């Protein structure tokens, strides 16, 4: 199984969209283990949304859709309401 996930950094008003086969380990990397990369600069992160997919291909398609204009609009309207 693959998980598409959306992280939010409330402190910096940022979101991150990704996919993984091990959400627990990936989340730990975003918040603690990684020493370089974009997400390191905006810690702490919290998980605000997840979706499960049977194949890597399906997860990658959804991740790419969420990273596009319509996907980001959906995130703003459904997950980031203030």
PDB file of N, CA and C in Angstrom:
ATOM      1  N   UNK A   1       0.839  -1.190   0.000  1.00  0.00           N
ATOM      2  CA  UNK A   1       0.000   0.000   0.000  1.00  0.00           C
ATOM      3  C   UNK A   1       0.881   1.248   0.000  1.00  0.00           C
ATOM      4  N   UNK A   2       0.350   2.290  -0.617  1.00  0.00           N
ATOM      5  CA  UNK A   2       1.027   3.575  -0.681  1.00  0.00           C
ATOM      6  C   UNK A   2       0.100   4.647  -0.131  1.00  0.00           C
ATOM      7  N   UNK A   3       0.680   5.591   0.562  1.00  0.00           N
ATOM      8  CA  UNK A   3      -0.080   6.679   1.169  1.00  0.00           C
ATOM      9  C   UNK A   3       0.302   8.001   0.534  1.00  0.00           C
ATOM     10  N   UNK A   4      -0.704   8.723   0.068  1.00  0.00           N
ATOM     11  CA  UNK A   4      -0.515  10.115  -0.340  1.00  0.00           C
ATOM     12  C   UNK A   4      -0.840  10.938   0.897  1.00  0.00           C
ATOM     13  N   UNK A   5       0.029  11.885   1.220  1.00  0.00           N
ATOM     14  CA  UNK A   5      -0.174  12.639   2.457  1.00  0.00           C
ATOM     15  C   UNK A   5       0.039  14.133   2.217  1.00  0.00           C
ATOM     16  N   UNK A   6      -0.616  14.895   3.074  1.00  0.00           N
ATOM     17  CA  UNK A   6      -0.452  16.348   3.040  1.00  0.00           C
ATOM     18  C   UNK A   6      -0.035  16.779   4.444  1.00  0.00           C
ATOM     19  N   UNK A   7       1.069  17.500   4.500  1.00  0.00           N
ATOM     20  CA  UNK A   7       1.567  18.038   5.765  1.00  0.00           C
ATOM     21  C   UNK A   7       1.323  19.540   5.791  1.00  0.00           C
ATOM     22  N   UNK A   8       1.167  20.050   6.995  1.00  0.00           N
ATOM     23  CA  UNK A   8       1.011  21.487   7.172  1.00  0.00           C
ATOM     24  C   UNK A   8       2.001  21.977   8.218  1.00  0.00           C
ATOM     25  N   UNK A   9       2.654  23.093   7.908  1.00  0.00           N
ATOM     26  CA  UNK A   9       3.463  23.806   8.880  1.00  0.00           C
ATOM     27  C   UNK A   9       2.699  25.078   9.213  1.00  0.00           C
ATOM     28  N   UNK A  10       1.977  25.055  10.302  1.00  0.00           N
ATOM     29  CA  UNK A  10       1.197  26.235  10.687  1.00  0.00           C
ATOM     30  C   UNK A  10       2.110  27.418  10.991  1.00  0.00           C
ATOM     31  N   UNK A  11       3.246  27.137  11.593  1.00  0.00           N
ATOM     32  CA  UNK A  11       4.188  28.194  11.978  1.00  0.00           C
ATOM     33  C   UNK A  11       4.626  29.026  10.771  1.00  0.00           C
ATOM     34  N   UNK A  12       4.819  28.373   9.626  1.00  0.00           N
ATOM     35  CA  UNK A  12       5.303  29.063   8.431  1.00  0.00           C
ATOM     36  C   UNK A  12       4.250  29.174   7.326  1.00  0.00           C
ATOM     37  N   UNK A  13       3.042  28.707   7.590  1.00  0.00           N
ATOM     38  CA  UNK A  13       1.953  28.748   6.612  1.00  0.00           C
ATOM     39  C   UNK A  13       2.343  28.045   5.305  1.00  0.00           C
ATOM     40  N   UNK A  14       2.845  26.816   5.441  1.00  0.00           N
ATOM     41  CA  UNK A  14       3.277  26.022   4.294  1.00  0.00           C
ATOM     42  C   UNK A  14       2.564  24.679   4.288  1.00  0.00           C
ATOM     43  N   UNK A  15       2.433  24.089   3.092  1.00  0.00           N
ATOM     44  CA  UNK A  15       1.950  22.715   2.980  1.00  0.00           C
ATOM     45  C   UNK A  15       2.957  21.926   2.159  1.00  0.00           C
ATOM     46  N   UNK A  16       2.953  20.626   2.367  1.00  0.00           N
ATOM     47  CA  UNK A  16       3.819  19.713   1.621  1.00  0.00           C
ATOM     48  C   UNK A  16       2.976  18.518   1.216  1.00  0.00           C
ATOM     49  N   UNK A  17       3.111  18.096  -0.031  1.00  0.00           N
ATOM     50  CA  UNK A  17       2.352  16.966  -0.559  1.00  0.00           C
ATOM     51  C   UNK A  17       3.347  15.903  -0.990  1.00  0.00           C
ATOM     52  N   UNK A  18       3.127  14.670  -0.557  1.00  0.00           N
ATOM     53  CA  UNK A  18       4.028  13.599  -0.935  1.00  0.00           C
ATOM     54  C   UNK A  18       3.336  12.253  -0.917  1.00  0.00           C
ATOM     55  N   UNK A  19       4.093  11.199  -1.235  1.00  0.00           N
ATOM     56  CA  UNK A  19       3.582   9.836  -1.126  1.00  0.00           C
ATOM     57  C   UNK A  19       4.688   8.938  -0.612  1.00  0.00           C
ATOM     58  N   UNK A  20       4.308   7.835  -0.001  1.00  0.00           N
ATOM     59  CA  UNK A  20       5.269   6.932   0.597  1.00  0.00           C
ATOM     60  C   UNK A  20       4.644   5.554   0.810  1.00  0.00           C
ATOM     61  N   UNK A  21       5.483   4.564   1.009  1.00  0.00           N
ATOM     62  CA  UNK A  21       4.996   3.235   1.384  1.00  0.00           C
ATOM     63  C   UNK A  21       5.118   3.034   2.896  1.00  0.00           C
ATOM     64  N   UNK A  22       5.701   4.005   3.608  1.00  0.00           N
ATOM     65  CA  UNK A  22       5.859   3.904   5.055  1.00  0.00           C
ATOM     66  C   UNK A  22       5.652   5.297   5.665  1.00  0.00           C
ATOM     67  N   UNK A  23       4.411   5.628   5.928  1.00  0.00           N
ATOM     68  CA  UNK A  23       4.076   6.974   6.405  1.00  0.00           C
ATOM     69  C   UNK A  23       4.744   7.295   7.735  1.00  0.00           C
ATOM     70  N   UNK A  24       4.763   6.374   8.641  1.00  0.00           N
ATOM     71  CA  UNK A  24       5.349   6.637   9.965  1.00  0.00           C
ATOM     72  C   UNK A  24       6.822   7.047   9.835  1.00  0.00           C
ATOM     73  N   UNK A  25       7.585   6.290   9.055  1.00  0.00           N
ATOM     74  CA  UNK A  25       9.003   6.590   8.882  1.00  0.00           C
ATOM     75  C   UNK A  25       9.206   7.895   8.104  1.00  0.00           C
ATOM     76  N   UNK A  26       8.396   8.110   7.092  1.00  0.00           N
ATOM     77  CA  UNK A  26       8.521   9.330   6.286  1.00  0.00           C
ATOM     78  C   UNK A  26       8.210  10.574   7.104  1.00  0.00           C
ATOM     79  N   UNK A  27       7.160  10.499   7.936  1.00  0.00           N
ATOM     80  CA  UNK A  27       6.801  11.630   8.786  1.00  0.00           C
ATOM     81  C   UNK A  27       7.926  11.929   9.779  1.00  0.00           C
ATOM     82  N   UNK A  28       8.501  10.873  10.332  1.00  0.00           N
ATOM     83  CA  UNK A  28       9.625  11.040  11.256  1.00  0.00           C
ATOM     84  C   UNK A  28      10.798  11.721  10.552  1.00  0.00           C
ATOM     85  N   UNK A  29      11.036  11.348   9.302  1.00  0.00           N
ATOM     86  CA  UNK A  29      12.113  11.979   8.536  1.00  0.00           C
ATOM     87  C   UNK A  29      11.831  13.468   8.327  1.00  0.00           C
ATOM     88  N   UNK A  30      10.607  13.808   7.985  1.00  0.00           N
ATOM     89  CA  UNK A  30      10.260  15.221   7.767  1.00  0.00           C
ATOM     90  C   UNK A  30      10.466  16.042   9.031  1.00  0.00           C
ATOM     91  N   UNK A  31      10.130  15.490  10.175  1.00  0.00           N
ATOM     92  CA  UNK A  31      10.150  16.262  11.420  1.00  0.00           C
ATOM     93  C   UNK A  31      11.427  16.135  12.239  1.00  0.00           C
ATOM     94  N   UNK A  32      12.191  15.038  12.062  1.00  0.00           N
ATOM     95  CA  UNK A  32      13.341  14.833  12.952  1.00  0.00           C
ATOM     96  C   UNK A  32      14.617  14.386  12.258  1.00  0.00           C
ATOM     97  N   UNK A  33      14.537  13.392  11.388  1.00  0.00           N
ATOM     98  CA  UNK A  33      15.746  12.738  10.891  1.00  0.00           C
ATOM     99  C   UNK A  33      16.461  13.480   9.771  1.00  0.00           C
ATOM    100  N   UNK A  34      15.726  14.067   8.862  1.00  0.00           N
ATOM    101  CA  UNK A  34      16.348  14.720   7.701  1.00  0.00           C
ATOM    102  C   UNK A  34      17.200  15.903   8.148  1.00  0.00           C
ATOM    103  N   UNK A  35      18.318  16.088   7.462  1.00  0.00           N
ATOM    104  CA  UNK A  35      19.204  17.206   7.785  1.00  0.00           C
ATOM    105  C   UNK A  35      19.268  18.234   6.669  1.00  0.00           C
ATOM    106  N   UNK A  36      18.715  17.900   5.503  1.00  0.00           N
ATOM    107  CA  UNK A  36      18.649  18.866   4.418  1.00  0.00           C
ATOM    108  C   UNK A  36      17.381  18.620   3.616  1.00  0.00           C
ATOM    109  N   UNK A  37      17.029  19.614   2.816  1.00  0.00           N
ATOM    110  CA  UNK A  37      15.811  19.526   2.025  1.00  0.00           C
ATOM    111  C   UNK A  37      14.827  20.613   2.425  1.00  0.00           C
ATOM    112  N   UNK A  38      13.805  20.764   1.594  1.00  0.00           N
ATOM    113  CA  UNK A  38      12.831  21.833   1.781  1.00  0.00           C
ATOM    114  C   UNK A  38      12.080  21.726   3.099  1.00  0.00           C
ATOM    115  N   UNK A  39      11.645  20.529   3.476  1.00  0.00           N
ATOM    116  CA  UNK A  39      10.806  20.401   4.671  1.00  0.00           C
ATOM    117  C   UNK A  39      11.559  20.675   5.965  1.00  0.00           C
ATOM    118  N   UNK A  40      12.875  20.537   5.954  1.00  0.00           N
ATOM    119  CA  UNK A  40      13.667  20.795   7.164  1.00  0.00           C
ATOM    120  C   UNK A  40      13.509  22.243   7.615  1.00  0.00           C
ATOM    121  N   UNK A  41      13.381  23.153   6.657  1.00  0.00           N
ATOM    122  CA  UNK A  41      13.307  24.591   6.964  1.00  0.00           C
ATOM    123  C   UNK A  41      12.005  25.016   7.639  1.00  0.00           C
ATOM    124  N   UNK A  42      10.961  24.194   7.513  1.00  0.00           N
ATOM    125  CA  UNK A  42       9.638  24.634   7.960  1.00  0.00           C
ATOM    126  C   UNK A  42       9.054  23.758   9.063  1.00  0.00           C
ATOM    127  N   UNK A  43       9.879  23.092   9.808  1.00  0.00           N
ATOM    128  CA  UNK A  43       9.406  22.265  10.922  1.00  0.00           C
ATOM    129  C   UNK A  43       8.787  23.136  11.995  1.00  0.00           C
ATOM    130  N   UNK A  44       7.843  22.644  12.755  1.00  0.00           N
ATOM    131  CA  UNK A  44       7.290  21.293  12.767  1.00  0.00           C
ATOM    132  C   UNK A  44       6.148  21.128  11.758  1.00  0.00           C
ATOM    133  N   UNK A  45       5.952  19.884  11.346  1.00  0.00           N
ATOM    134  CA  UNK A  45       4.876  19.509  10.427  1.00  0.00           C
ATOM    135  C   UNK A  45       3.833  18.694  11.161  1.00  0.00           C
ATOM    136  N   UNK A  46       2.604  18.791  10.675  1.00  0.00           N
ATOM    137  CA  UNK A  46       1.554  17.887  11.151  1.00  0.00           C
ATOM    138  C   UNK A  46       0.849  17.325   9.927  1.00  0.00           C
ATOM    139  N   UNK A  47       0.372  16.105  10.054  1.00  0.00           N
ATOM    140  CA  UNK A  47      -0.359  15.459   8.965  1.00  0.00           C
ATOM    141  C   UNK A  47      -1.788  15.974   8.997  1.00  0.00           C
ATOM    142  N   UNK A  48      -2.252  16.517   7.855  1.00  0.00           N
ATOM    143  CA  UNK A  48      -3.628  17.016   7.814  1.00  0.00           C
ATOM    144  C   UNK A  48      -4.523  16.188   6.900  1.00  0.00           C
ATOM    145  N   UNK A  49      -3.919  15.278   6.108  1.00  0.00           N
ATOM    146  CA  UNK A  49      -4.741  14.469   5.207  1.00  0.00           C
ATOM    147  C   UNK A  49      -3.935  13.278   4.701  1.00  0.00           C
ATOM    148  N   UNK A  50      -4.596  12.119   4.589  1.00  0.00           N
ATOM    149  CA  UNK A  50      -3.971  10.935   3.994  1.00  0.00           C
ATOM    150  C   UNK A  50      -4.982  10.211   3.115  1.00  0.00           C
ATOM    151  N   UNK A  51      -4.459   9.526   2.093  1.00  0.00           N
ATOM    152  CA  UNK A  51      -5.261   8.676   1.209  1.00  0.00           C
ATOM    153  C   UNK A  51      -4.439   7.435   0.897  1.00  0.00           C
ATOM    154  N   UNK A  52      -5.073   6.263   0.867  1.00  0.00           N
ATOM    155  CA  UNK A  52      -4.375   5.007   0.585  1.00  0.00           C
ATOM    156  C   UNK A  52      -4.612   4.542  -0.844  1.00  0.00           C
ATOM    157  N   UNK A  53      -3.549   4.008  -1.456  1.00  0.00           N
ATOM    158  CA  UNK A  53      -3.609   3.482  -2.821  1.00  0.00           C
ATOM    159  C   UNK A  53      -2.892   2.141  -2.890  1.00  0.00           C
ATOM    160  N   UNK A  54      -3.387   1.256  -3.740  1.00  0.00           N
ATOM    161  CA  UNK A  54      -2.792  -0.070  -3.876  1.00  0.00           C
ATOM    162  C   UNK A  54      -1.495  -0.060  -4.664  1.00  0.00           C
ATOM    163  N   UNK A  55      -1.367   0.865  -5.607  1.00  0.00           N
ATOM    164  CA  UNK A  55      -0.171   0.882  -6.448  1.00  0.00           C
ATOM    165  C   UNK A  55       0.567   2.208  -6.338  1.00  0.00           C
ATOM    166  N   UNK A  56       1.860   2.131  -6.582  1.00  0.00           N
ATOM    167  CA  UNK A  56       2.692   3.331  -6.594  1.00  0.00           C
ATOM    168  C   UNK A  56       2.235   4.281  -7.698  1.00  0.00           C
ATOM    169  N   UNK A  57       1.858   3.721  -8.829  1.00  0.00           N
ATOM    170  CA  UNK A  57       1.419   4.539  -9.957  1.00  0.00           C
ATOM    171  C   UNK A  57       0.188   5.365  -9.607  1.00  0.00           C
ATOM    172  N   UNK A  58      -0.790   4.735  -8.935  1.00  0.00           N
ATOM    173  CA  UNK A  58      -1.999   5.465  -8.543  1.00  0.00           C
ATOM    174  C   UNK A  58      -1.676   6.561  -7.526  1.00  0.00           C
ATOM    175  N   UNK A  59      -0.796   6.253  -6.586  1.00  0.00           N
ATOM    176  CA  UNK A  59      -0.408   7.250  -5.582  1.00  0.00           C
ATOM    177  C   UNK A  59       0.308   8.424  -6.238  1.00  0.00           C
ATOM    178  N   UNK A  60       1.190   8.143  -7.170  1.00  0.00           N
ATOM    179  CA  UNK A  60       1.923   9.194  -7.861  1.00  0.00           C
ATOM    180  C   UNK A  60       0.991  10.077  -8.687  1.00  0.00           C
ATOM    181  N   UNK A  61      -0.005   9.474  -9.330  1.00  0.00           N
ATOM    182  CA  UNK A  61      -0.991  10.260 -10.082  1.00  0.00           C
ATOM    183  C   UNK A  61      -1.735  11.226  -9.163  1.00  0.00           C
ATOM    184  N   UNK A  62      -2.163  10.720  -8.014  1.00  0.00           N
ATOM    185  CA  UNK A  62      -2.903  11.566  -7.071  1.00  0.00           C
ATOM    186  C   UNK A  62      -2.005  12.663  -6.495  1.00  0.00           C
ATOM    187  N   UNK A  63      -0.771  12.314  -6.162  1.00  0.00           N
ATOM    188  CA  UNK A  63       0.161  13.313  -5.650  1.00  0.00           C
ATOM    189  C   UNK A  63       0.330  14.440  -6.672  1.00  0.00           C
ATOM    190  N   UNK A  64       0.541  14.082  -7.917  1.00  0.00           N
ATOM    191  CA  UNK A  64       0.721  15.090  -8.962  1.00  0.00           C
ATOM    192  C   UNK A  64      -0.527  15.936  -9.165  1.00  0.00           C
ATOM    193  N   UNK A  65      -1.695  15.323  -9.058  1.00  0.00           N
ATOM    194  CA  UNK A  65      -2.938  16.076  -9.177  1.00  0.00           C
ATOM    195  C   UNK A  65      -3.056  17.089  -8.034  1.00  0.00           C
ATOM    196  N   UNK A  66      -2.737  16.665  -6.819  1.00  0.00           N
ATOM    197  CA  UNK A  66      -2.827  17.565  -5.673  1.00  0.00           C
ATOM    198  C   UNK A  66      -1.823  18.711  -5.759  1.00  0.00           C
ATOM    199  N   UNK A  67      -0.701  18.483  -6.415  1.00  0.00           N
ATOM    200  CA  UNK A  67       0.313  19.522  -6.553  1.00  0.00           C
ATOM    201  C   UNK A  67      -0.041  20.548  -7.631  1.00  0.00           C
ATOM    202  N   UNK A  68      -1.023  20.240  -8.462  1.00  0.00           N
ATOM    203  CA  UNK A  68      -1.464  21.165  -9.503  1.00  0.00           C
ATOM    204  C   UNK A  68      -2.422  22.208  -8.960  1.00  0.00           C
ATOM    205  N   UNK A  69      -2.837  23.103  -9.811  1.00  0.00           N
ATOM    206  CA  UNK A  69      -3.716  24.202  -9.408  1.00  0.00           C
ATOM    207  C   UNK A  69      -5.037  23.751  -8.809  1.00  0.00           C
ATOM    208  N   UNK A  70      -5.701  22.795  -9.456  1.00  0.00           N
ATOM    209  CA  UNK A  70      -6.987  22.310  -8.941  1.00  0.00           C
ATOM    210  C   UNK A  70      -6.814  21.587  -7.607  1.00  0.00           C
ATOM    211  N   UNK A  71      -5.727  20.841  -7.485  1.00  0.00           N
ATOM    212  CA  UNK A  71      -5.466  20.130  -6.238  1.00  0.00           C
ATOM    213  C   UNK A  71      -5.198  21.079  -5.087  1.00  0.00           C
ATOM    214  N   UNK A  72      -4.399  22.084  -5.342  1.00  0.00           N
ATOM    215  CA  UNK A  72      -4.110  23.066  -4.289  1.00  0.00           C
ATOM    216  C   UNK A  72      -5.358  23.866  -3.916  1.00  0.00           C
ATOM    217  N   UNK A  73      -6.207  24.125  -4.895  1.00  0.00           N
ATOM    218  CA  UNK A  73      -7.483  24.779  -4.611  1.00  0.00           C
ATOM    219  C   UNK A  73      -8.336  23.892  -3.707  1.00  0.00           C
ATOM    220  N   UNK A  74      -8.394  22.588  -4.010  1.00  0.00           N
ATOM    221  CA  UNK A  74      -9.151  21.646  -3.185  1.00  0.00           C
ATOM    222  C   UNK A  74      -8.606  21.627  -1.758  1.00  0.00           C
ATOM    223  N   UNK A  75      -7.291  21.626  -1.628  1.00  0.00           N
ATOM    224  CA  UNK A  75      -6.674  21.629  -0.295  1.00  0.00           C
ATOM    225  C   UNK A  75      -7.082  22.880   0.474  1.00  0.00           C
ATOM    226  N   UNK A  76      -6.967  24.045  -0.166  1.00  0.00           N
ATOM    227  CA  UNK A  76      -7.338  25.306   0.506  1.00  0.00           C
ATOM    228  C   UNK A  76      -8.799  25.302   0.946  1.00  0.00           C
ATOM    229  N   UNK A  77      -9.672  24.826   0.059  1.00  0.00           N
ATOM    230  CA  UNK A  77     -11.111  24.881   0.339  1.00  0.00           C
ATOM    231  C   UNK A  77     -11.568  23.820   1.335  1.00  0.00           C
ATOM    232  N   UNK A  78     -10.902  22.680   1.385  1.00  0.00           N
ATOM    233  CA  UNK A  78     -11.379  21.575   2.201  1.00  0.00           C
ATOM    234  C   UNK A  78     -10.547  21.265   3.434  1.00  0.00           C
ATOM    235  N   UNK A  79      -9.283  21.627   3.416  1.00  0.00           N
ATOM    236  CA  UNK A  79      -8.418  21.261   4.541  1.00  0.00           C
ATOM    237  C   UNK A  79      -7.884  22.452   5.319  1.00  0.00           C
ATOM    238  N   UNK A  80      -7.829  23.606   4.698  1.00  0.00           N
ATOM    239  CA  UNK A  80      -7.214  24.763   5.345  1.00  0.00           C
ATOM    240  C   UNK A  80      -8.216  25.859   5.686  1.00  0.00           C
ATOM    241  N   UNK A  81      -9.476  25.503   5.754  1.00  0.00           N
ATOM    242  CA  UNK A  81     -10.480  26.519   6.093  1.00  0.00           C
ATOM    243  C   UNK A  81     -10.152  27.147   7.436  1.00  0.00           C
ATOM    244  N   UNK A  82     -10.298  28.446   7.479  1.00  0.00           N
ATOM    245  CA  UNK A  82      -9.981  29.165   8.720  1.00  0.00           C
ATOM    246  C   UNK A  82     -11.188  29.894   9.208  1.00  0.00           C
TER     247      UNK A  82
END
